Amino acid sequence: MNENINIAVLIDGDNIPSANVKEMMEEIAKYGNPTIKRIYGDWTRPGLNKWKNLLLENAITPIQQYGYTTGKNATDSAMIIDAMDILYSNKVDGFCLVSSDSDFTKLATRLREAGMLVIGIGEKKTPNPFIVACDKFIYIEILRKQSEDKTDPKETTKSSVDKITNKEITLISSSINDLSDDEGWAFLGDVGSLIQKKRPNFDSRNYGFEKLTPLIKSINKFEVEQRENPKGRSKLIYVKIKEKHITKAKKS
């Protein structure tokens, strides 16, 4: 991702826990510069008081939105209206929508249609339509686990780490096949980008790995090879499906 792009961060205060705001902002900074940071909610409600210090520490602007009608979420409407105003201001290159609410699915789709990068952050309960409407979707639970691991490296929270299943292996295999040369090798950077397009919520950290390379190395089905980079000192990593697995796949 290009860290020079400007990102508008819009947070649904009614639908997101306050505990991991610092981790969320650190994560967003990996993808760009958060030039606009707003959080929406009815700040007259006692339940939102815990946000106060966190907003000051992270320079997030609270936007007051009263609940006009029982059962209707006015916060969603305020966020959507602001997002469209920001879009047409031409001040940002992307958006980060922080919510677990599927009501933002159409907004994410519309922003991507306008050429915006759209990152979603929410809990694992987030409905799939909102997840797939984003370019990338990050689970708060993973950010929480990272924070806990930094606090106590000996502490393991296995419950928040998913198991790699045949579904993930098939996703990786098909992506390698889509990009491989005549010898079956594919550049891992391109494979990772294609996987992200196919499944926005795919994240190596969901499975206990910081990066895609160690995740793929942990699966016996793939070969990984490092090559010299003619344009720099860093190594280029290529991946392919092991021959025995290709043969089995053809027979089946």
C-alpha atoms as a PDB file:
ATOM      1  CA  MET A   1       0.000   0.000   0.000  1.00  0.00           C
ATOM      2  CA  ASN A   2       1.058   3.590  -0.634  1.00  0.00           C
ATOM      3  CA  GLU A   3       1.619   5.333   2.688  1.00  0.00           C
ATOM      4  CA  ASN A   4       1.425   8.739   0.966  1.00  0.00           C
ATOM      5  CA  ILE A   5      -2.273   8.473   0.165  1.00  0.00           C
ATOM      6  CA  ASN A   6      -4.750  10.404   2.291  1.00  0.00           C
ATOM      7  CA  ILE A   7      -7.456   8.420   4.066  1.00  0.00           C
ATOM      8  CA  ALA A   8     -10.690   9.516   5.732  1.00  0.00           C
ATOM      9  CA  VAL A   9     -11.393   7.436   8.842  1.00  0.00           C
ATOM     10  CA  LEU A  10     -15.083   7.277   9.761  1.00  0.00           C
ATOM     11  CA  ILE A  11     -15.986   5.339  12.918  1.00  0.00           C
ATOM     12  CA  ASP A  12     -19.424   4.089  13.922  1.00  0.00           C
ATOM     13  CA  GLY A  13     -19.279   4.842  17.653  1.00  0.00           C
ATOM     14  CA  ASP A  14     -22.519   2.954  18.301  1.00  0.00           C
ATOM     15  CA  ASN A  15     -21.205  -0.257  16.772  1.00  0.00           C
ATOM     16  CA  ILE A  16     -17.513  -0.515  17.659  1.00  0.00           C
ATOM     17  CA  PRO A  17     -15.837  -1.224  21.031  1.00  0.00           C
ATOM     18  CA  SER A  18     -13.600   1.577  22.288  1.00  0.00           C
ATOM     19  CA  ALA A  19     -10.891  -0.643  23.774  1.00  0.00           C
ATOM     20  CA  ASN A  20      -8.681  -0.989  20.690  1.00  0.00           C
ATOM     21  CA  VAL A  21      -8.804   2.445  19.075  1.00  0.00           C
ATOM     22  CA  LYS A  22      -5.035   2.914  19.388  1.00  0.00           C
ATOM     23  CA  GLU A  23      -4.386  -0.396  17.609  1.00  0.00           C
ATOM     24  CA  MET A  24      -6.904   0.492  14.895  1.00  0.00           C
ATOM     25  CA  MET A  25      -5.216   3.827  14.194  1.00  0.00           C
ATOM     26  CA  GLU A  26      -1.787   2.173  14.056  1.00  0.00           C
ATOM     27  CA  GLU A  27      -3.155  -0.359  11.564  1.00  0.00           C
ATOM     28  CA  ILE A  28      -4.728   2.332   9.376  1.00  0.00           C
ATOM     29  CA  ALA A  29      -1.411   4.213   9.248  1.00  0.00           C
ATOM     30  CA  LYS A  30       0.086   1.232   7.369  1.00  0.00           C
ATOM     31  CA  TYR A  31      -2.149   1.992   4.395  1.00  0.00           C
ATOM     32  CA  GLY A  32      -2.018   5.771   4.258  1.00  0.00           C
ATOM     33  CA  ASN A  33      -2.157   9.062   6.102  1.00  0.00           C
ATOM     34  CA  PRO A  34      -5.411   9.445   8.104  1.00  0.00           C
ATOM     35  CA  THR A  35      -6.039  13.130   7.385  1.00  0.00           C
ATOM     36  CA  ILE A  36      -9.707  13.057   8.431  1.00  0.00           C
ATOM     37  CA  LYS A  37     -10.687  11.182  11.607  1.00  0.00           C
ATOM     38  CA  ARG A  38     -14.296  11.322  12.783  1.00  0.00           C
ATOM     39  CA  ILE A  39     -16.445   9.223  15.074  1.00  0.00           C
ATOM     40  CA  TYR A  40     -20.246   9.341  15.085  1.00  0.00           C
ATOM     41  CA  GLY A  41     -22.653   8.759  17.935  1.00  0.00           C
ATOM     42  CA  ASP A  42     -25.060  10.290  20.406  1.00  0.00           C
ATOM     43  CA  TRP A  43     -22.567  11.654  22.939  1.00  0.00           C
ATOM     44  CA  THR A  44     -25.356  12.464  25.408  1.00  0.00           C
ATOM     45  CA  ARG A  45     -25.626   8.726  26.083  1.00  0.00           C
ATOM     46  CA  PRO A  46     -23.661   7.544  29.153  1.00  0.00           C
ATOM     47  CA  GLY A  47     -22.426   4.458  27.288  1.00  0.00           C
ATOM     48  CA  LEU A  48     -20.202   6.553  25.023  1.00  0.00           C
ATOM     49  CA  ASN A  49     -18.391   8.379  27.854  1.00  0.00           C
ATOM     50  CA  LYS A  50     -15.519   5.868  27.751  1.00  0.00           C
ATOM     51  CA  TRP A  51     -14.541   7.242  24.339  1.00  0.00           C
ATOM     52  CA  LYS A  52     -13.639  10.723  25.634  1.00  0.00           C
ATOM     53  CA  ASN A  53      -9.964  10.291  26.551  1.00  0.00           C
ATOM     54  CA  LEU A  54      -9.334   7.958  23.609  1.00  0.00           C
ATOM     55  CA  LEU A  55     -10.564  10.595  21.168  1.00  0.00           C
ATOM     56  CA  LEU A  56      -8.242  13.213  22.650  1.00  0.00           C
ATOM     57  CA  GLU A  57      -5.257  10.853  22.579  1.00  0.00           C
ATOM     58  CA  ASN A  58      -5.840   9.912  18.924  1.00  0.00           C
ATOM     59  CA  ALA A  59      -7.040  13.315  17.624  1.00  0.00           C
ATOM     60  CA  ILE A  60     -10.408  11.919  16.512  1.00  0.00           C
ATOM     61  CA  THR A  61     -13.243  14.445  16.090  1.00  0.00           C
ATOM     62  CA  PRO A  62     -16.562  13.401  17.702  1.00  0.00           C
ATOM     63  CA  ILE A  63     -19.651  14.146  15.628  1.00  0.00           C
ATOM     64  CA  GLN A  64     -22.854  14.513  17.635  1.00  0.00           C
ATOM     65  CA  GLN A  65     -25.826  12.686  16.148  1.00  0.00           C
ATOM     66  CA  TYR A  66     -29.052  12.515  18.129  1.00  0.00           C
ATOM     67  CA  GLY A  67     -31.293   9.492  17.737  1.00  0.00           C
ATOM     68  CA  TYR A  68     -34.382  11.131  16.276  1.00  0.00           C
ATOM     69  CA  THR A  69     -36.582   8.022  16.208  1.00  0.00           C
ATOM     70  CA  THR A  70     -36.574   4.866  18.292  1.00  0.00           C
ATOM     71  CA  GLY A  71     -35.287   1.881  16.304  1.00  0.00           C
ATOM     72  CA  LYS A  72     -33.651   4.007  13.594  1.00  0.00           C
ATOM     73  CA  ASN A  73     -29.875   4.444  13.418  1.00  0.00           C
ATOM     74  CA  ALA A  74     -29.228   8.129  12.738  1.00  0.00           C
ATOM     75  CA  THR A  75     -25.474   7.547  13.135  1.00  0.00           C
ATOM     76  CA  ASP A  76     -25.404   5.493   9.929  1.00  0.00           C
ATOM     77  CA  SER A  77     -27.077   8.267   7.958  1.00  0.00           C
ATOM     78  CA  ALA A  78     -24.709  10.927   9.310  1.00  0.00           C
ATOM     79  CA  MET A  79     -21.659   8.829   8.407  1.00  0.00           C
ATOM     80  CA  ILE A  80     -22.953   8.165   4.891  1.00  0.00           C
ATOM     81  CA  ILE A  81     -23.745  11.834   4.238  1.00  0.00           C
ATOM     82  CA  ASP A  82     -20.316  12.918   5.503  1.00  0.00           C
ATOM     83  CA  ALA A  83     -18.586  10.225   3.421  1.00  0.00           C
ATOM     84  CA  MET A  84     -20.208  11.513   0.243  1.00  0.00           C
ATOM     85  CA  ASP A  85     -19.326  15.123   1.127  1.00  0.00           C
ATOM     86  CA  ILE A  86     -15.701  14.079   1.677  1.00  0.00           C
ATOM     87  CA  LEU A  87     -15.703  12.082  -1.577  1.00  0.00           C
ATOM     88  CA  TYR A  88     -16.732  15.101  -3.624  1.00  0.00           C
ATOM     89  CA  SER A  89     -14.261  17.370  -1.826  1.00  0.00           C
ATOM     90  CA  ASN A  90     -11.430  15.475  -3.595  1.00  0.00           C
ATOM     91  CA  LYS A  91      -9.283  15.720  -0.454  1.00  0.00           C
ATOM     92  CA  VAL A  92      -8.721  11.987   0.082  1.00  0.00           C
ATOM     93  CA  ASP A  93      -7.703   8.916  -1.913  1.00  0.00           C
ATOM     94  CA  GLY A  94      -9.412   6.355   0.276  1.00  0.00           C
ATOM     95  CA  PHE A  95     -11.713   5.647   3.199  1.00  0.00           C
ATOM     96  CA  CYS A  96     -11.548   3.474   6.289  1.00  0.00           C
ATOM     97  CA  LEU A  97     -15.038   2.544   7.494  1.00  0.00           C
ATOM     98  CA  VAL A  98     -14.928   1.245  11.062  1.00  0.00           C
ATOM     99  CA  SER A  99     -18.117  -0.667  11.819  1.00  0.00           C
ATOM    100  CA  SER A 100     -19.569  -4.162  12.090  1.00  0.00           C
ATOM    101  CA  ASP A 101     -22.836  -3.021  10.523  1.00  0.00           C
ATOM    102  CA  SER A 102     -23.926  -4.265   7.090  1.00  0.00           C
ATOM    103  CA  ASP A 103     -25.749  -0.944   6.526  1.00  0.00           C
ATOM    104  CA  PHE A 104     -22.470   0.419   5.161  1.00  0.00           C
ATOM    105  CA  THR A 105     -22.291  -2.130   2.334  1.00  0.00           C
ATOM    106  CA  LYS A 106     -23.783   0.219  -0.252  1.00  0.00           C
ATOM    107  CA  LEU A 107     -21.528   3.068   0.885  1.00  0.00           C
ATOM    108  CA  ALA A 108     -18.395   0.930   0.493  1.00  0.00           C
ATOM    109  CA  THR A 109     -19.537  -0.149  -2.964  1.00  0.00           C
ATOM    110  CA  ARG A 110     -20.248   3.431  -4.033  1.00  0.00           C
ATOM    111  CA  LEU A 111     -16.867   4.688  -2.809  1.00  0.00           C
ATOM    112  CA  ARG A 112     -15.041   1.953  -4.709  1.00  0.00           C
ATOM    113  CA  GLU A 113     -17.025   2.794  -7.837  1.00  0.00           C
ATOM    114  CA  ALA A 114     -15.609   6.320  -7.493  1.00  0.00           C
ATOM    115  CA  GLY A 115     -12.071   4.896  -7.498  1.00  0.00           C
ATOM    116  CA  MET A 116     -11.504   5.124  -3.748  1.00  0.00           C
ATOM    117  CA  LEU A 117      -9.523   2.607  -1.727  1.00  0.00           C
ATOM    118  CA  VAL A 118     -11.937   1.236   0.905  1.00  0.00           C
ATOM    119  CA  ILE A 119     -10.660  -0.483   4.051  1.00  0.00           C
ATOM    120  CA  GLY A 120     -13.117  -1.955   6.519  1.00  0.00           C
ATOM    121  CA  ILE A 121     -12.444  -2.650  10.191  1.00  0.00           C
ATOM    122  CA  GLY A 122     -14.942  -4.526  12.327  1.00  0.00           C
ATOM    123  CA  GLU A 123     -15.567  -7.518  14.543  1.00  0.00           C
ATOM    124  CA  LYS A 124     -15.810 -11.084  13.266  1.00  0.00           C
ATOM    125  CA  LYS A 125     -19.593 -10.844  13.541  1.00  0.00           C
ATOM    126  CA  THR A 126     -19.580  -8.397  10.595  1.00  0.00           C
ATOM    127  CA  PRO A 127     -21.931  -9.635   7.821  1.00  0.00           C
ATOM    128  CA  ASN A 128     -20.177 -10.870   4.684  1.00  0.00           C
ATOM    129  CA  PRO A 129     -21.812  -8.369   2.258  1.00  0.00           C
ATOM    130  CA  PHE A 130     -20.012  -5.462   3.970  1.00  0.00           C
ATOM    131  CA  ILE A 131     -16.733  -7.405   4.078  1.00  0.00           C
ATOM    132  CA  VAL A 132     -16.685  -8.212   0.355  1.00  0.00           C
ATOM    133  CA  ALA A 133     -17.695  -4.637  -0.536  1.00  0.00           C
ATOM    134  CA  CYS A 134     -14.308  -3.443   0.812  1.00  0.00           C
ATOM    135  CA  ASP A 135     -10.875  -3.738  -0.794  1.00  0.00           C
ATOM    136  CA  LYS A 136      -9.563  -5.082   2.496  1.00  0.00           C
ATOM    137  CA  PHE A 137     -11.295  -5.976   5.746  1.00  0.00           C
ATOM    138  CA  ILE A 138      -9.460  -6.284   9.075  1.00  0.00           C
ATOM    139  CA  TYR A 139     -10.872  -7.963  12.178  1.00  0.00           C
ATOM    140  CA  ILE A 140     -10.635  -6.062  15.457  1.00  0.00           C
ATOM    141  CA  GLU A 141     -10.060  -9.361  17.265  1.00  0.00           C
ATOM    142  CA  ILE A 142      -6.723  -9.761  15.456  1.00  0.00           C
ATOM    143  CA  LEU A 143      -5.616  -6.258  16.428  1.00  0.00           C
ATOM    144  CA  ARG A 144      -6.641  -7.033  20.005  1.00  0.00           C
ATOM    145  CA  LYS A 145      -4.586 -10.233  19.999  1.00  0.00           C
ATOM    146  CA  GLN A 146      -1.523  -8.394  18.693  1.00  0.00           C
ATOM    147  CA  SER A 147      -1.850  -5.871  21.499  1.00  0.00           C
ATOM    148  CA  GLU A 148      -2.144  -8.633  24.103  1.00  0.00           C
ATOM    149  CA  ASP A 149       0.878 -10.466  22.670  1.00  0.00           C
ATOM    150  CA  LYS A 150       2.989  -7.289  22.888  1.00  0.00           C
ATOM    151  CA  THR A 151       1.934  -6.808  26.521  1.00  0.00           C
ATOM    152  CA  ASP A 152       2.696 -10.423  27.456  1.00  0.00           C
ATOM    153  CA  PRO A 153       4.581 -12.396  24.754  1.00  0.00           C
ATOM    154  CA  LYS A 154       4.174 -15.587  26.791  1.00  0.00           C
ATOM    155  CA  GLU A 155       0.414 -15.249  26.730  1.00  0.00           C
ATOM    156  CA  THR A 156      -1.251 -17.098  23.828  1.00  0.00           C
ATOM    157  CA  THR A 157      -4.842 -16.446  22.826  1.00  0.00           C
ATOM    158  CA  LYS A 158      -5.426 -19.402  20.527  1.00  0.00           C
ATOM    159  CA  SER A 159      -9.159 -18.858  20.554  1.00  0.00           C
ATOM    160  CA  SER A 160      -8.788 -15.810  18.320  1.00  0.00           C
ATOM    161  CA  VAL A 161      -6.580 -17.611  15.767  1.00  0.00           C
ATOM    162  CA  ASP A 162      -8.338 -19.488  12.988  1.00  0.00           C
ATOM    163  CA  LYS A 163      -7.251 -22.846  11.632  1.00  0.00           C
ATOM    164  CA  ILE A 164      -6.041 -23.061   8.034  1.00  0.00           C
ATOM    165  CA  THR A 165      -8.603 -25.186   6.194  1.00  0.00           C
ATOM    166  CA  ASN A 166      -8.947 -26.606   2.689  1.00  0.00           C
ATOM    167  CA  LYS A 167     -10.869 -23.460   1.802  1.00  0.00           C
ATOM    168  CA  GLU A 168      -7.795 -21.288   2.410  1.00  0.00           C
ATOM    169  CA  ILE A 169      -5.479 -23.787   0.693  1.00  0.00           C
ATOM    170  CA  THR A 170      -7.737 -23.853  -2.381  1.00  0.00           C
ATOM    171  CA  LEU A 171      -7.797 -20.037  -2.440  1.00  0.00           C
ATOM    172  CA  ILE A 172      -3.982 -19.887  -2.398  1.00  0.00           C
ATOM    173  CA  SER A 173      -3.650 -22.684  -4.982  1.00  0.00           C
ATOM    174  CA  SER A 174      -6.098 -21.132  -7.424  1.00  0.00           C
ATOM    175  CA  SER A 175      -4.373 -17.762  -7.106  1.00  0.00           C
ATOM    176  CA  ILE A 176      -0.976 -19.327  -7.839  1.00  0.00           C
ATOM    177  CA  ASN A 177      -2.454 -21.110 -10.862  1.00  0.00           C
ATOM    178  CA  ASP A 178      -3.933 -17.860 -12.137  1.00  0.00           C
ATOM    179  CA  LEU A 179      -0.536 -16.134 -12.084  1.00  0.00           C
ATOM    180  CA  SER A 180       2.032 -18.899 -12.622  1.00  0.00           C
ATOM    181  CA  ASP A 181       4.522 -19.055 -15.493  1.00  0.00           C
ATOM    182  CA  ASP A 182       5.145 -22.131 -17.655  1.00  0.00           C
ATOM    183  CA  GLU A 183       7.133 -23.753 -14.840  1.00  0.00           C
ATOM    184  CA  GLY A 184       4.403 -23.133 -12.264  1.00  0.00           C
ATOM    185  CA  TRP A 185       6.118 -20.314 -10.349  1.00  0.00           C
ATOM    186  CA  ALA A 186       4.272 -17.138  -9.336  1.00  0.00           C
ATOM    187  CA  PHE A 187       5.589 -13.983  -7.643  1.00  0.00           C
ATOM    188  CA  LEU A 188       4.302 -14.051  -4.073  1.00  0.00           C
ATOM    189  CA  GLY A 189       3.548 -10.314  -4.026  1.00  0.00           C
ATOM    190  CA  ASP A 190       1.148 -10.742  -6.947  1.00  0.00           C
ATOM    191  CA  VAL A 191      -0.370 -13.841  -5.347  1.00  0.00           C
ATOM    192  CA  GLY A 192      -1.060 -11.907  -2.140  1.00  0.00           C
ATOM    193  CA  SER A 193      -2.703  -9.058  -4.065  1.00  0.00           C
ATOM    194  CA  LEU A 194      -4.935 -11.458  -5.994  1.00  0.00           C
ATOM    195  CA  ILE A 195      -5.940 -13.305  -2.812  1.00  0.00           C
ATOM    196  CA  GLN A 196      -6.920  -9.954  -1.277  1.00  0.00           C
ATOM    197  CA  LYS A 197      -9.101  -9.136  -4.282  1.00  0.00           C
ATOM    198  CA  LYS A 198     -10.791 -12.525  -4.106  1.00  0.00           C
ATOM    199  CA  ARG A 199     -11.323 -12.417  -0.345  1.00  0.00           C
ATOM    200  CA  PRO A 200     -10.944  -8.982   1.317  1.00  0.00           C
ATOM    201  CA  ASN A 201     -10.897 -10.421   4.853  1.00  0.00           C
ATOM    202  CA  PHE A 202      -7.997 -12.805   4.157  1.00  0.00           C
ATOM    203  CA  ASP A 203      -5.228 -11.857   6.568  1.00  0.00           C
ATOM    204  CA  SER A 204      -2.255 -14.015   7.555  1.00  0.00           C
ATOM    205  CA  ARG A 205      -2.672 -12.773  11.129  1.00  0.00           C
ATOM    206  CA  ASN A 206      -6.060 -14.495  11.296  1.00  0.00           C
ATOM    207  CA  TYR A 207      -4.097 -17.770  11.256  1.00  0.00           C
ATOM    208  CA  GLY A 208      -1.304 -16.756  13.622  1.00  0.00           C
ATOM    209  CA  PHE A 209       1.251 -15.587  11.014  1.00  0.00           C
ATOM    210  CA  GLU A 210       2.532 -12.019  10.674  1.00  0.00           C
ATOM    211  CA  LYS A 211       3.090 -12.360   6.913  1.00  0.00           C
ATOM    212  CA  LEU A 212       1.891 -14.473   3.987  1.00  0.00           C
ATOM    213  CA  THR A 213       5.315 -16.100   3.427  1.00  0.00           C
ATOM    214  CA  PRO A 214       5.491 -18.041   6.735  1.00  0.00           C
ATOM    215  CA  LEU A 215       1.829 -19.007   6.361  1.00  0.00           C
ATOM    216  CA  ILE A 216       2.482 -20.567   2.945  1.00  0.00           C
ATOM    217  CA  LYS A 217       5.681 -22.235   4.206  1.00  0.00           C
ATOM    218  CA  SER A 218       3.641 -23.893   6.949  1.00  0.00           C
ATOM    219  CA  ILE A 219       1.498 -25.648   4.320  1.00  0.00           C
ATOM    220  CA  ASN A 220       3.239 -28.707   2.866  1.00  0.00           C
ATOM    221  CA  LYS A 221       1.486 -28.277  -0.469  1.00  0.00           C
ATOM    222  CA  PHE A 222       3.646 -25.369  -1.653  1.00  0.00           C
ATOM    223  CA  GLU A 223       7.271 -24.674  -2.558  1.00  0.00           C
ATOM    224  CA  VAL A 224       8.834 -21.303  -1.759  1.00  0.00           C
ATOM    225  CA  GLU A 225      11.938 -19.949  -3.490  1.00  0.00           C
ATOM    226  CA  GLN A 226      13.963 -16.791  -2.921  1.00  0.00           C
ATOM    227  CA  ARG A 227      15.551 -15.106  -5.938  1.00  0.00           C
ATOM    228  CA  GLU A 228      17.939 -12.205  -6.372  1.00  0.00           C
ATOM    229  CA  ASN A 229      16.318  -8.869  -7.103  1.00  0.00           C
ATOM    230  CA  PRO A 230      18.128  -7.147 -10.011  1.00  0.00           C
ATOM    231  CA  LYS A 231      16.692  -3.788  -8.902  1.00  0.00           C
ATOM    232  CA  GLY A 232      17.602  -3.907  -5.231  1.00  0.00           C
ATOM    233  CA  ARG A 233      19.002  -5.781  -2.240  1.00  0.00           C
ATOM    234  CA  SER A 234      15.745  -7.355  -1.120  1.00  0.00           C
ATOM    235  CA  LYS A 235      14.994 -10.904  -2.193  1.00  0.00           C
ATOM    236  CA  LEU A 236      12.088 -11.748  -4.486  1.00  0.00           C
ATOM    237  CA  ILE A 237       9.908 -14.591  -3.233  1.00  0.00           C
ATOM    238  CA  TYR A 238       8.220 -16.997  -5.626  1.00  0.00           C
ATOM    239  CA  VAL A 239       5.821 -19.828  -4.861  1.00  0.00           C
ATOM    240  CA  LYS A 240       4.495 -22.863  -6.689  1.00  0.00           C
ATOM    241  CA  ILE A 241       2.317 -25.894  -6.018  1.00  0.00           C
ATOM    242  CA  LYS A 242       4.314 -29.071  -5.376  1.00  0.00           C
ATOM    243  CA  GLU A 243       4.185 -31.535  -8.260  1.00  0.00           C
ATOM    244  CA  LYS A 244       2.575 -34.372  -6.299  1.00  0.00           C
ATOM    245  CA  HIS A 245      -0.375 -32.131  -5.426  1.00  0.00           C
ATOM    246  CA  ILE A 246      -0.783 -31.032  -9.036  1.00  0.00           C
ATOM    247  CA  THR A 247      -0.896 -34.693 -10.120  1.00  0.00           C
ATOM    248  CA  LYS A 248      -3.482 -35.541  -7.475  1.00  0.00           C
ATOM    249  CA  ALA A 249      -5.593 -32.580  -8.510  1.00  0.00           C
ATOM    250  CA  LYS A 250      -5.553 -33.720 -12.162  1.00  0.00           C
ATOM    251  CA  LYS A 251      -6.573 -37.281 -11.230  1.00  0.00           C
ATOM    252  CA  SER A 252      -9.498 -36.061  -9.144  1.00  0.00           C
END
